[in-house]
Amino acid sequence: ALAHATTPAEVTAAKGRALAEQCTLRVHGLVQRLRGKPRKDRVEGGA
């Protein structure tokens, strides 16, 4: 995406989009990890 961007505004927009995507994926992964942990702990504690 950055290679095709010609104006500084396009470059900035492309960088922002890439950063937003990374943040979303990172947050999504953290949420999934946090959601999975209590379940594991509960199962281990019950067993």
Foldseek 3Di string as FASTA:
>chain_A
DCVPDDDPVSNVVVVVVVVVVVVVVVVVVVVVVVVVVVVVVVVVVVD
